[in-house]
């Protein structure tokens, strides 16, 4: 990879396949450069970590309940004393609704993707076909240079 890159290969491959498996140098720095290139190309970007996501499909596309740590506060009434459940709107739809009007779409950049199961990675390969404005970039591990391949190819290798 050259010292200065414009990111056009990454953007082209992301638009073509919809989801990419990324292999990044462990010292970091490249993610910000490529995210800046994606934003300049007209995409919105949203970063999340794969750790602790739970049910990936519900977190991204469905209304789901969360139960924060109760910190000693218990529910009232005859329910279990584990705290209240709060319902959160779908994360992807919320981000898509807040995109600028002329944006091409949303790039969901997931770090620590090596903790995802093969079933979750398969869902991420299908998600861009379900919602065409969403593109997925998953960091699947480290490498000496910043490289990528279609996420479905990473699923076959695993």
Protein backbone atom coordinates (compact mmCIF):
# COMPACT_ATOMS: atom_id res chain seq x y z
CA UNK A 1 0.00 0.00 0.00
CA UNK A 2 1.29 3.43 -0.87
CA UNK A 3 2.05 6.03 1.71
CA UNK A 4 -0.80 8.23 0.50
CA UNK A 5 -4.00 6.52 -0.60
CA UNK A 6 -7.28 7.98 -1.73
CA UNK A 7 -9.37 5.00 -0.63
CA UNK A 8 -11.09 4.60 -3.99
CA UNK A 9 -10.36 0.85 -4.13
CA UNK A 10 -11.95 0.31 -0.72
CA UNK A 11 -14.99 2.40 -1.63
CA UNK A 12 -15.42 0.59 -4.95
CA UNK A 13 -15.15 -2.85 -3.34
CA UNK A 14 -17.52 -1.83 -0.54
CA UNK A 15 -20.13 -0.65 -3.03
CA UNK A 16 -19.69 -3.80 -5.10
CA UNK A 17 -19.91 -6.42 -2.35
CA UNK A 18 -21.85 -4.50 0.33
CA UNK A 19 -19.74 -5.87 3.19
CA UNK A 20 -16.00 -6.18 3.69
CA UNK A 21 -13.75 -8.03 6.10
CA UNK A 22 -10.90 -5.71 7.08
CA UNK A 23 -7.45 -6.68 8.32
CA UNK A 24 -5.72 -3.72 9.91
CA UNK A 25 -2.30 -3.12 11.44
CA UNK A 26 -2.53 -3.46 15.20
CA UNK A 27 -0.88 -0.12 15.87
CA UNK A 28 -3.93 1.61 14.38
CA UNK A 29 -4.35 4.85 12.48
CA UNK A 30 -5.59 3.47 9.18
CA UNK A 31 -9.21 3.23 10.28
CA UNK A 32 -9.53 6.97 10.68
CA UNK A 33 -7.98 7.63 7.28
CA UNK A 34 -10.35 5.30 5.48
CA UNK A 35 -13.37 6.53 7.44
CA UNK A 36 -12.45 10.07 6.41
CA UNK A 37 -12.29 8.91 2.75
CA UNK A 38 -15.72 7.26 3.08
CA UNK A 39 -17.24 10.41 4.57
CA UNK A 40 -15.71 12.51 1.77
CA UNK A 41 -17.28 10.12 -0.77
CA UNK A 42 -20.74 10.88 0.64
CA UNK A 43 -21.25 8.12 3.20
CA UNK A 44 -22.17 8.54 6.81
CA UNK A 45 -20.18 6.37 9.20
CA UNK A 46 -21.04 4.76 12.51
CA UNK A 47 -18.52 2.86 14.65
CA UNK A 48 -19.45 0.12 17.09
CA UNK A 49 -17.64 -2.73 18.77
CA UNK A 50 -18.70 -6.34 18.34
CA UNK A 51 -18.16 -7.14 22.00
CA UNK A 52 -21.33 -7.26 24.05
CA UNK A 53 -23.78 -6.72 21.17
CA UNK A 54 -25.99 -9.64 22.06
CA UNK A 55 -28.56 -10.45 19.38
CA UNK A 56 -27.07 -8.67 16.39
CA UNK A 57 -30.23 -8.70 14.26
CA UNK A 58 -32.40 -7.19 16.98
CA UNK A 59 -29.80 -4.61 17.96
CA UNK A 60 -29.38 -3.37 14.40
CA UNK A 61 -32.88 -3.65 12.93
CA UNK A 62 -35.45 -4.21 15.68
CA UNK A 63 -36.82 -2.56 18.81
CA UNK A 64 -35.06 -4.30 21.66
CA UNK A 65 -35.12 -4.16 25.42
CA UNK A 66 -32.11 -3.30 27.54
CA UNK A 67 -31.78 -3.64 31.25
CA UNK A 68 -29.09 -1.35 32.68
CA UNK A 69 -27.30 -2.36 35.88
CA UNK A 70 -29.80 -1.81 38.66
CA UNK A 71 -27.21 -0.45 41.17
CA UNK A 72 -29.37 -1.52 44.08
CA UNK A 73 -32.59 -0.10 42.66
CA UNK A 74 -35.23 -2.76 42.38
CA UNK A 75 -38.52 -2.85 40.56
CA UNK A 76 -41.70 -2.21 42.43
CA UNK A 77 -44.62 -4.56 42.45
CA UNK A 78 -44.68 -8.29 41.91
CA UNK A 79 -42.06 -8.48 39.17
CA UNK A 80 -38.56 -9.87 39.47
CA UNK A 81 -36.20 -7.59 41.37
CA UNK A 82 -33.78 -7.08 38.50
CA UNK A 83 -34.58 -3.53 37.40
CA UNK A 84 -36.72 -2.05 34.71
CA UNK A 85 -36.47 -2.90 31.02
CA UNK A 86 -36.08 0.07 28.69
CA UNK A 87 -36.86 -0.28 25.00
CA UNK A 88 -34.45 1.15 22.44
CA UNK A 89 -35.25 1.88 18.77
CA UNK A 90 -33.37 0.04 16.02
CA UNK A 91 -29.86 1.42 15.73
CA UNK A 92 -29.58 1.27 11.93
CA UNK A 93 -32.90 2.95 11.23
CA UNK A 94 -32.08 5.73 13.69
CA UNK A 95 -28.74 6.38 11.98
CA UNK A 96 -30.31 6.25 8.50
CA UNK A 97 -32.99 8.74 9.52
CA UNK A 98 -30.31 11.19 10.69
CA UNK A 99 -28.20 11.07 7.51
CA UNK A 100 -27.93 14.21 5.41
CA UNK A 101 -30.35 14.24 2.46
CA UNK A 102 -27.64 13.83 -0.21
CA UNK A 103 -25.75 11.02 1.57
CA UNK A 104 -25.10 7.83 -0.38
CA UNK A 105 -25.74 5.66 2.65
CA UNK A 106 -24.35 4.52 5.97
CA UNK A 107 -21.16 2.55 6.58
CA UNK A 108 -21.37 0.48 9.75
CA UNK A 109 -17.76 0.00 10.90
CA UNK A 110 -17.52 -2.84 13.44
CA UNK A 111 -14.28 -3.26 15.38
CA UNK A 112 -13.22 -6.50 17.12
CA UNK A 113 -15.21 -8.54 14.60
CA UNK A 114 -13.18 -11.68 15.33
CA UNK A 115 -15.48 -12.35 18.33
CA UNK A 116 -18.54 -12.70 16.08
CA UNK A 117 -19.86 -16.16 15.40
CA UNK A 118 -20.09 -17.45 11.83
CA UNK A 119 -23.86 -17.10 12.03
CA UNK A 120 -23.55 -13.40 12.94
CA UNK A 121 -21.01 -12.82 10.16
CA UNK A 122 -23.39 -14.49 7.72
CA UNK A 123 -26.16 -12.13 8.85
CA UNK A 124 -23.85 -9.17 8.22
CA UNK A 125 -23.24 -10.40 4.66
CA UNK A 126 -27.00 -10.51 4.04
CA UNK A 127 -27.84 -7.18 5.72
CA UNK A 128 -26.79 -4.93 2.77
CA UNK A 129 -29.24 -6.79 0.53
CA UNK A 130 -32.04 -6.23 3.07
CA UNK A 131 -31.20 -2.52 3.47
CA UNK A 132 -29.38 -1.26 0.34
CA UNK A 133 -28.30 2.04 1.94
CA UNK A 134 -26.22 0.19 4.57
CA UNK A 135 -22.65 -0.99 3.92
CA UNK A 136 -20.76 -3.11 6.45
CA UNK A 137 -17.03 -3.02 7.27
CA UNK A 138 -15.91 -5.54 9.91
CA UNK A 139 -12.39 -5.61 11.35
CA UNK A 140 -11.70 -9.35 11.44
CA UNK A 141 -8.12 -9.29 12.67
CA UNK A 142 -4.68 -7.83 12.36
CA UNK A 143 -2.26 -7.78 9.48
CA UNK A 144 0.96 -6.02 8.57
CA UNK A 145 -0.80 -3.85 5.99
CA UNK A 146 -4.36 -2.58 5.68
CA UNK A 147 -6.14 -5.15 3.52
CA UNK A 148 -9.69 -6.29 2.87
CA UNK A 149 -11.78 -8.88 1.12
CA UNK A 150 -15.52 -9.48 0.76
CA UNK A 151 -17.03 -10.58 4.06
CA UNK A 152 -18.56 -13.68 2.46
CA UNK A 153 -15.03 -14.82 1.51
CA UNK A 154 -13.91 -14.39 5.13
CA UNK A 155 -16.88 -16.53 6.18
CA UNK A 156 -15.78 -19.33 3.85
CA UNK A 157 -12.23 -19.20 5.23
CA UNK A 158 -13.46 -19.47 8.83
